[in-house]
C-alpha atoms as a PDB file:
ATOM      1  CA  MET A   1     -54.756  95.416  77.040  1.00  0.00           C
ATOM      2  CA  VAL A   2     -57.369  93.527  79.135  1.00  0.00           C
ATOM      3  CA  ILE A   3     -59.641  95.402  81.370  1.00  0.00           C
ATOM      4  CA  LEU A   4     -61.944  93.439  83.655  1.00  0.00           C
ATOM      5  CA  LEU A   5     -64.777  94.695  85.752  1.00  0.00           C
ATOM      6  CA  ILE A   6     -64.618  93.477  89.282  1.00  0.00           C
ATOM      7  CA  HIS A   7     -67.918  93.279  91.286  1.00  0.00           C
ATOM      8  CA  SER A   8     -67.139  90.650  93.915  1.00  0.00           C
ATOM      9  CA  HIS A   9     -64.522  88.496  95.580  1.00  0.00           C
ATOM     10  CA  HIS A  10     -65.251  85.755  93.037  1.00  0.00           C
ATOM     11  CA  ASP A  11     -64.613  88.250  90.234  1.00  0.00           C
ATOM     12  CA  ILE A  12     -61.168  89.022  91.771  1.00  0.00           C
ATOM     13  CA  GLU A  13     -60.237  85.450  91.823  1.00  0.00           C
ATOM     14  CA  ASN A  14     -61.302  84.899  88.232  1.00  0.00           C
ATOM     15  CA  SER A  15     -59.420  88.158  87.333  1.00  0.00           C
ATOM     16  CA  LEU A  16     -56.234  86.792  88.894  1.00  0.00           C
ATOM     17  CA  LYS A  17     -56.676  83.584  86.996  1.00  0.00           C
ATOM     18  CA  ILE A  18     -57.089  85.471  83.720  1.00  0.00           C
ATOM     19  CA  TYR A  19     -54.207  87.834  84.338  1.00  0.00           C
ATOM     20  CA  THR A  20     -51.974  84.885  85.338  1.00  0.00           C
ATOM     21  CA  TYR A  21     -53.039  82.947  82.173  1.00  0.00           C
ATOM     22  CA  ILE A  22     -52.295  86.007  80.001  1.00  0.00           C
ATOM     23  CA  LEU A  23     -48.900  86.447  81.620  1.00  0.00           C
ATOM     24  CA  ILE A  24     -47.939  82.820  81.119  1.00  0.00           C
ATOM     25  CA  CYS A  25     -49.026  82.914  77.601  1.00  0.00           C
ATOM     26  CA  TYR A  26     -46.923  86.044  76.993  1.00  0.00           C
ATOM     27  CA  LEU A  27     -43.839  84.607  78.707  1.00  0.00           C
ATOM     28  CA  LEU A  28     -44.260  81.230  76.800  1.00  0.00           C
ATOM     29  CA  GLY A  29     -44.537  83.173  73.516  1.00  0.00           C
ATOM     30  CA  LEU A  30     -41.197  85.072  74.292  1.00  0.00           C
ATOM     31  CA  TYR A  31     -39.500  81.755  75.016  1.00  0.00           C
ATOM     32  CA  VAL A  32     -40.728  80.164  71.868  1.00  0.00           C
ATOM     33  CA  MET A  33     -39.661  83.079  69.851  1.00  0.00           C
ATOM     34  CA  ARG A  34     -36.197  82.948  71.467  1.00  0.00           C
ATOM     35  CA  LEU A  35     -35.910  79.182  70.995  1.00  0.00           C
ATOM     36  CA  PHE A  36     -37.277  78.860  67.452  1.00  0.00           C
ATOM     37  CA  GLY A  37     -37.262  82.479  66.309  1.00  0.00           C
ATOM     38  CA  LYS A  38     -34.856  84.382  64.287  1.00  0.00           C
ATOM     39  CA  LYS A  39     -31.893  82.043  63.649  1.00  0.00           C
ATOM     40  CA  PHE A  40     -30.281  83.441  60.628  1.00  0.00           C
ATOM     41  CA  GLU A  41     -28.085  86.472  61.223  1.00  0.00           C
ATOM     42  CA  CYS A  42     -26.614  88.850  58.788  1.00  0.00           C
ATOM     43  CA  ASP A  43     -22.751  88.776  59.215  1.00  0.00           C
ATOM     44  CA  GLN A  44     -22.455  92.408  58.082  1.00  0.00           C
ATOM     45  CA  CYS A  45     -25.062  94.245  60.202  1.00  0.00           C
ATOM     46  CA  ALA A  46     -26.231  91.609  62.711  1.00  0.00           C
ATOM     47  CA  MET A  47     -29.948  91.792  61.629  1.00  0.00           C
ATOM     48  CA  LYS A  48     -31.780  88.478  62.405  1.00  0.00           C
ATOM     49  CA  PHE A  49     -34.282  86.593  60.252  1.00  0.00           C
ATOM     50  CA  SER A  50     -36.399  83.671  60.858  1.00  0.00           C
ATOM     51  CA  LYS A  51     -35.974  82.229  57.362  1.00  0.00           C
ATOM     52  CA  ASP A  52     -32.851  81.795  55.316  1.00  0.00           C
ATOM     53  CA  GLU A  53     -34.637  83.211  52.298  1.00  0.00           C
ATOM     54  CA  GLU A  54     -35.338  86.461  54.131  1.00  0.00           C
ATOM     55  CA  LEU A  55     -31.512  86.725  54.963  1.00  0.00           C
ATOM     56  CA  ILE A  56     -30.470  86.033  51.316  1.00  0.00           C
ATOM     57  CA  ASP A  57     -33.007  88.768  50.182  1.00  0.00           C
ATOM     58  CA  HIS A  58     -31.586  91.118  52.818  1.00  0.00           C
ATOM     59  CA  ALA A  59     -27.986  90.451  51.760  1.00  0.00           C
ATOM     60  CA  ARG A  60     -28.827  90.868  48.056  1.00  0.00           C
ATOM     61  CA  ASN A  61     -30.983  94.057  48.514  1.00  0.00           C
ATOM     62  CA  VAL A  62     -29.282  95.892  51.312  1.00  0.00           C
ATOM     63  CA  HIS A  63     -25.729  94.922  51.130  1.00  0.00           C
ATOM     64  CA  HIS A  64     -25.694  94.084  47.376  1.00  0.00           C
ATOM     65  CA  HIS A  65     -23.990  90.890  48.194  1.00  0.00           C
ATOM     66  CA  HIS A  66     -23.487  88.243  45.349  1.00  0.00           C
ATOM     67  CA  VAL A  67     -25.752  85.246  45.924  1.00  0.00           C
ATOM     68  CA  THR A  68     -24.629  81.758  44.534  1.00  0.00           C
ATOM     69  CA  LYS A  69     -27.070  79.013  43.505  1.00  0.00           C
ATOM     70  CA  CYS A  70     -26.912  75.278  43.804  1.00  0.00           C
ATOM     71  CA  ASN A  71     -26.327  73.891  40.293  1.00  0.00           C
ATOM     72  CA  ASP A  72     -28.578  70.911  41.060  1.00  0.00           C
ATOM     73  CA  CYS A  73     -31.636  72.463  42.805  1.00  0.00           C
ATOM     74  CA  GLY A  74     -31.250  76.154  42.488  1.00  0.00           C
ATOM     75  CA  LYS A  75     -31.208  76.881  46.245  1.00  0.00           C
ATOM     76  CA  GLU A  76     -29.481  80.141  46.967  1.00  0.00           C
ATOM     77  CA  PHE A  77     -26.650  80.718  49.380  1.00  0.00           C
ATOM     78  CA  ILE A  78     -24.771  83.879  50.471  1.00  0.00           C
ATOM     79  CA  HIS A  79     -21.447  81.959  51.064  1.00  0.00           C
ATOM     80  CA  GLU A  80     -19.896  79.509  48.690  1.00  0.00           C
ATOM     81  CA  ASP A  81     -18.886  77.271  51.544  1.00  0.00           C
ATOM     82  CA  ASP A  82     -22.540  76.919  52.543  1.00  0.00           C
ATOM     83  CA  ARG A  83     -23.471  75.935  48.881  1.00  0.00           C
ATOM     84  CA  LEU A  84     -20.508  73.428  48.846  1.00  0.00           C
ATOM     85  CA  HIS A  85     -21.729  71.941  52.196  1.00  0.00           C
ATOM     86  CA  HIS A  86     -25.280  71.688  50.831  1.00  0.00           C
ATOM     87  CA  SER A  87     -24.173  70.063  47.573  1.00  0.00           C
ATOM     88  CA  ARG A  88     -22.083  67.431  49.374  1.00  0.00           C
ATOM     89  CA  LYS A  89     -24.886  66.649  51.865  1.00  0.00           C
ATOM     90  CA  GLU A  90     -27.979  66.996  49.655  1.00  0.00           C
ATOM     91  CA  HIS A  91     -26.691  65.765  46.266  1.00  0.00           C
ATOM     92  CA  GLU A  92     -24.101  63.270  47.230  1.00  0.00           C
ATOM     93  CA  LYS A  93     -25.884  60.403  45.562  1.00  0.00           C
ATOM     94  CA  LYS A  94     -26.064  62.225  42.274  1.00  0.00           C
ATOM     95  CA  MET A  95     -22.315  63.052  42.502  1.00  0.00           C
ATOM     96  CA  GLU A  96     -21.495  59.485  43.047  1.00  0.00           C
ATOM     97  CA  ARG A  97     -23.350  58.292  39.960  1.00  0.00           C
ATOM     98  CA  ARG A  98     -21.455  60.891  37.999  1.00  0.00           C
ATOM     99  CA  ARG A  99     -18.220  59.589  39.410  1.00  0.00           C
ATOM    100  CA  GLN A 100     -19.159  55.964  38.493  1.00  0.00           C
ATOM    101  CA  LYS A 101     -19.968  56.852  34.970  1.00  0.00           C
ATOM    102  CA  SER A 102     -16.497  58.430  34.348  1.00  0.00           C
END
């Protein structure tokens, strides 16, 4: 909490500027958190997390959910569909090389 001592009209103007600045910063912070904040939501209890690793840890530790790993890079996923999408998108060149060899 900000407490300002007011001694004159000039102090009131400065105080209003400071309070306005603090309010704008607070509201901007809320907007940024909503826009860029917690994007990963647990499909079992609706908790939200800002990083996918946090969601995976939550699913593993709270819901004892099985976690699957990418065979190529070891990245972890809660859903097999997400792992397959990741593999197709991120490791497609490697898969094409394998197809060409066989």
